[in-house]
Every structure is written in structure tokens, then in C-alpha cells.
Amino acid sequence: MPIQSKYSSQKIETILDQVMEVLHDNDVSVDLSLMTLGNCITHVINSQVPVAQRQVITDKFVKALSASINTKDK
């Protein structure tokens, strides 16, 4: 059974498009994009997640990220 998000797909896509546009407009390389997004994730977790929950949230995020990566050529 798919996981239902409390956020609309349209809202998620709009934000994603905006973030990707900033990276594209600044001609950001893959490694700099990943470093920047990683720092953003770290900032969100450290500033908005209670200390006692940070490891659990981080582990869940890593698991979800790993599951979403396409490992096969199209």
C-alpha cells in the first residue's frame, strides 16, 4: 500500500521545481548540488527536529532516499 502524504503532489512539485531552478540558474555541478542539499537537510533536522528524535528521523530519511534511487538504466 503506497504511503499517503499530507502534502499535495502539486505543492511538492512546485517547491521542487523552484529548488531545481535555483540550482540550474547557478550552473551548479552534481557534487555541489548534493553538498548544498545535504547541508539544507542537516540544517532542517538540527533546527526543527527535537534532539531525541534526530537519529530516528535521519535513519528514516536515509532509508526513504535509498529506496527512491533508480539503480537501473531506463
N, C-alpha and C. Protein backbone atom coordinates (compact mmCIF):
# COMPACT_ATOMS: atom_id res chain seq x y z
N MET A 1 0.84 -1.17 0.00
CA MET A 1 0.00 0.00 0.00
C MET A 1 0.89 1.25 0.00
N PRO A 2 0.68 2.16 -0.95
CA PRO A 2 1.54 3.36 -1.02
C PRO A 2 1.33 4.26 0.19
N ILE A 3 2.39 4.95 0.53
CA ILE A 3 2.32 5.89 1.65
C ILE A 3 1.63 7.16 1.16
N GLN A 4 0.64 7.63 1.90
CA GLN A 4 -0.08 8.84 1.56
C GLN A 4 0.58 10.02 2.26
N SER A 5 0.85 11.07 1.50
CA SER A 5 1.46 12.27 2.06
C SER A 5 0.38 13.23 2.50
N LYS A 6 0.68 13.99 3.55
CA LYS A 6 -0.27 15.03 3.96
C LYS A 6 -0.11 16.28 3.10
N TYR A 7 0.87 16.26 2.18
CA TYR A 7 1.11 17.37 1.27
C TYR A 7 0.69 16.98 -0.13
N SER A 8 0.13 17.91 -0.87
CA SER A 8 -0.32 17.60 -2.22
C SER A 8 0.88 17.43 -3.14
N SER A 9 0.70 16.59 -4.15
CA SER A 9 1.75 16.40 -5.14
C SER A 9 2.09 17.71 -5.82
N GLN A 10 1.08 18.54 -6.06
CA GLN A 10 1.30 19.83 -6.71
C GLN A 10 2.20 20.73 -5.86
N LYS A 11 1.97 20.76 -4.56
CA LYS A 11 2.79 21.58 -3.66
C LYS A 11 4.24 21.09 -3.67
N ILE A 12 4.42 19.79 -3.59
CA ILE A 12 5.76 19.21 -3.61
C ILE A 12 6.46 19.52 -4.92
N GLU A 13 5.77 19.32 -6.04
CA GLU A 13 6.36 19.58 -7.35
C GLU A 13 6.71 21.05 -7.54
N THR A 14 5.88 21.95 -7.05
CA THR A 14 6.15 23.38 -7.16
C THR A 14 7.43 23.75 -6.42
N ILE A 15 7.57 23.25 -5.20
CA ILE A 15 8.77 23.55 -4.42
C ILE A 15 10.00 22.91 -5.07
N LEU A 16 9.87 21.68 -5.51
CA LEU A 16 10.99 21.00 -6.18
C LEU A 16 11.42 21.77 -7.43
N ASP A 17 10.45 22.21 -8.22
CA ASP A 17 10.77 22.99 -9.42
C ASP A 17 11.53 24.27 -9.06
N GLN A 18 11.14 24.93 -7.97
CA GLN A 18 11.81 26.16 -7.56
C GLN A 18 13.25 25.89 -7.12
N VAL A 19 13.45 24.83 -6.36
CA VAL A 19 14.80 24.47 -5.91
C VAL A 19 15.67 24.12 -7.11
N MET A 20 15.14 23.30 -8.01
CA MET A 20 15.90 22.89 -9.19
C MET A 20 16.23 24.08 -10.08
N GLU A 21 15.32 25.04 -10.15
CA GLU A 21 15.57 26.24 -10.95
C GLU A 21 16.74 27.04 -10.39
N VAL A 22 16.81 27.15 -9.05
CA VAL A 22 17.94 27.87 -8.43
C VAL A 22 19.25 27.16 -8.75
N LEU A 23 19.27 25.84 -8.64
CA LEU A 23 20.49 25.10 -8.95
C LEU A 23 20.86 25.27 -10.42
N HIS A 24 19.89 25.18 -11.30
CA HIS A 24 20.15 25.33 -12.74
C HIS A 24 20.61 26.75 -13.07
N ASP A 25 19.94 27.76 -12.51
CA ASP A 25 20.30 29.16 -12.79
C ASP A 25 21.73 29.49 -12.34
N ASN A 26 22.20 28.76 -11.34
CA ASN A 26 23.56 28.99 -10.83
C ASN A 26 24.57 28.01 -11.42
N ASP A 27 24.13 27.22 -12.40
CA ASP A 27 25.01 26.26 -13.08
C ASP A 27 25.78 25.41 -12.08
N VAL A 28 25.04 24.83 -11.15
CA VAL A 28 25.63 24.07 -10.05
C VAL A 28 25.92 22.64 -10.50
N SER A 29 27.11 22.15 -10.20
CA SER A 29 27.50 20.78 -10.55
C SER A 29 26.78 19.78 -9.65
N VAL A 30 26.85 18.51 -10.03
CA VAL A 30 26.22 17.45 -9.25
C VAL A 30 26.76 17.43 -7.82
N ASP A 31 28.09 17.47 -7.68
CA ASP A 31 28.66 17.37 -6.33
C ASP A 31 28.28 18.59 -5.47
N LEU A 32 28.28 19.78 -6.05
CA LEU A 32 27.89 20.97 -5.28
C LEU A 32 26.40 20.94 -4.97
N SER A 33 25.58 20.44 -5.89
CA SER A 33 24.14 20.30 -5.63
C SER A 33 23.91 19.38 -4.44
N LEU A 34 24.59 18.22 -4.44
CA LEU A 34 24.42 17.26 -3.35
C LEU A 34 24.92 17.83 -2.02
N MET A 35 26.04 18.53 -2.06
CA MET A 35 26.57 19.15 -0.83
C MET A 35 25.59 20.20 -0.30
N THR A 36 25.06 21.02 -1.18
CA THR A 36 24.13 22.08 -0.78
C THR A 36 22.84 21.50 -0.22
N LEU A 37 22.28 20.53 -0.92
CA LEU A 37 21.05 19.90 -0.45
C LEU A 37 21.27 19.14 0.85
N GLY A 38 22.42 18.49 0.97
CA GLY A 38 22.76 17.80 2.22
C GLY A 38 22.87 18.77 3.38
N ASN A 39 23.50 19.91 3.15
CA ASN A 39 23.60 20.92 4.20
C ASN A 39 22.22 21.46 4.57
N CYS A 40 21.35 21.59 3.58
CA CYS A 40 19.99 22.05 3.84
C CYS A 40 19.24 21.04 4.71
N ILE A 41 19.37 19.77 4.39
CA ILE A 41 18.73 18.72 5.18
C ILE A 41 19.26 18.73 6.62
N THR A 42 20.58 18.85 6.75
CA THR A 42 21.18 18.91 8.08
C THR A 42 20.64 20.09 8.87
N HIS A 43 20.54 21.23 8.21
CA HIS A 43 20.02 22.43 8.87
C HIS A 43 18.57 22.22 9.34
N VAL A 44 17.74 21.65 8.47
CA VAL A 44 16.34 21.40 8.84
C VAL A 44 16.27 20.47 10.04
N ILE A 45 17.00 19.38 10.00
CA ILE A 45 16.96 18.42 11.10
C ILE A 45 17.47 19.06 12.40
N ASN A 46 18.62 19.73 12.33
CA ASN A 46 19.21 20.31 13.54
C ASN A 46 18.39 21.47 14.11
N SER A 47 17.67 22.19 13.28
CA SER A 47 16.95 23.36 13.77
C SER A 47 15.47 23.11 14.05
N GLN A 48 14.91 22.02 13.49
CA GLN A 48 13.47 21.83 13.63
C GLN A 48 13.04 20.50 14.24
N VAL A 49 13.98 19.60 14.42
CA VAL A 49 13.64 18.29 14.99
C VAL A 49 14.24 18.22 16.40
N PRO A 50 13.44 17.82 17.38
CA PRO A 50 13.97 17.68 18.74
C PRO A 50 15.16 16.72 18.77
N VAL A 51 16.13 17.03 19.60
CA VAL A 51 17.36 16.24 19.68
C VAL A 51 17.06 14.75 19.83
N ALA A 52 16.12 14.41 20.67
CA ALA A 52 15.82 13.00 20.94
C ALA A 52 15.30 12.26 19.71
N GLN A 53 14.80 12.99 18.70
CA GLN A 53 14.22 12.34 17.52
C GLN A 53 15.12 12.44 16.29
N ARG A 54 16.21 13.15 16.37
CA ARG A 54 17.04 13.40 15.19
C ARG A 54 17.59 12.14 14.55
N GLN A 55 18.08 11.20 15.34
CA GLN A 55 18.66 9.99 14.75
C GLN A 55 17.60 9.16 14.06
N VAL A 56 16.43 9.03 14.68
CA VAL A 56 15.35 8.26 14.08
C VAL A 56 14.89 8.90 12.77
N ILE A 57 14.72 10.21 12.77
CA ILE A 57 14.31 10.92 11.56
C ILE A 57 15.37 10.77 10.47
N THR A 58 16.64 10.90 10.85
CA THR A 58 17.73 10.76 9.89
C THR A 58 17.75 9.37 9.29
N ASP A 59 17.60 8.36 10.12
CA ASP A 59 17.59 6.97 9.62
C ASP A 59 16.42 6.75 8.66
N LYS A 60 15.25 7.27 8.99
CA LYS A 60 14.08 7.13 8.12
C LYS A 60 14.32 7.87 6.79
N PHE A 61 14.93 9.05 6.87
CA PHE A 61 15.21 9.81 5.66
C PHE A 61 16.18 9.05 4.75
N VAL A 62 17.24 8.52 5.33
CA VAL A 62 18.23 7.77 4.56
C VAL A 62 17.58 6.55 3.91
N LYS A 63 16.73 5.87 4.65
CA LYS A 63 16.05 4.69 4.11
C LYS A 63 15.13 5.09 2.95
N ALA A 64 14.39 6.17 3.11
CA ALA A 64 13.49 6.63 2.05
C ALA A 64 14.28 7.09 0.83
N LEU A 65 15.39 7.78 1.05
CA LEU A 65 16.23 8.23 -0.06
C LEU A 65 16.78 7.03 -0.82
N SER A 66 17.30 6.06 -0.09
CA SER A 66 17.85 4.87 -0.72
C SER A 66 16.79 4.12 -1.53
N ALA A 67 15.58 4.06 -1.01
CA ALA A 67 14.50 3.35 -1.70
C ALA A 67 14.05 4.10 -2.95
N SER A 68 14.26 5.40 -2.99
CA SER A 68 13.75 6.19 -4.12
C SER A 68 14.76 6.31 -5.27
N ILE A 69 15.99 5.88 -5.05
CA ILE A 69 17.01 5.99 -6.09
C ILE A 69 16.82 4.92 -7.15
N ASN A 70 16.79 5.36 -8.41
CA ASN A 70 16.65 4.42 -9.52
C ASN A 70 18.05 3.85 -9.82
N THR A 71 18.21 2.56 -9.66
CA THR A 71 19.52 1.94 -9.87
C THR A 71 19.62 1.20 -11.20
N LYS A 72 18.59 1.35 -12.06
CA LYS A 72 18.60 0.70 -13.36
C LYS A 72 18.55 1.75 -14.45
N ASP A 73 19.24 1.49 -15.56
CA ASP A 73 19.15 2.38 -16.72
C ASP A 73 17.76 2.30 -17.31
N LYS A 74 17.33 3.40 -17.84
CA LYS A 74 16.00 3.43 -18.45
C LYS A 74 16.03 2.89 -19.85
